[in-house]
Amino acid sequence: MSNAEGNLGANIEITPERQGLAALDKAVTRALDELRQTRARAAEAERRSAELGALLQSFESGEETAAGMKARLTLLEAENHDLRGRIERGRETVERLIARVGFLENQK
């Protein structure tokens, strides 16, 4: 690269118009990027909305409705609570039996 070529860029005056054009170019680039991102998010939201709509439709058209599923869930939660109580009582019984066995072993 010769000196003459290297000085070409130095001869270009940076005017307010050129600075404004550069700022405008950056602003347009940012706006286009934001537009692309917004379109991508909108497409994803539409896809999810369609998926959820199809899922709701399948619940409503099946044998069991959402209300029926809720009632069944409530029943299962009550059964789960009852079973946890039984397990806890069973553990207490086992602990008492272990204590008795330990006591009897010590008596020998």
Foldseek 3Di string as FASTA:
>chain_A
DDPVVVCPVVPDDCDPVNVVVVVVVVVVVVVVVVVVVVVVVVVVVVVVVVVVVVVQVCQCVDPHHPVRVVVVVVVVVVVVVVVVVVVVVVVVVVVVVVVVVVVVVVVD
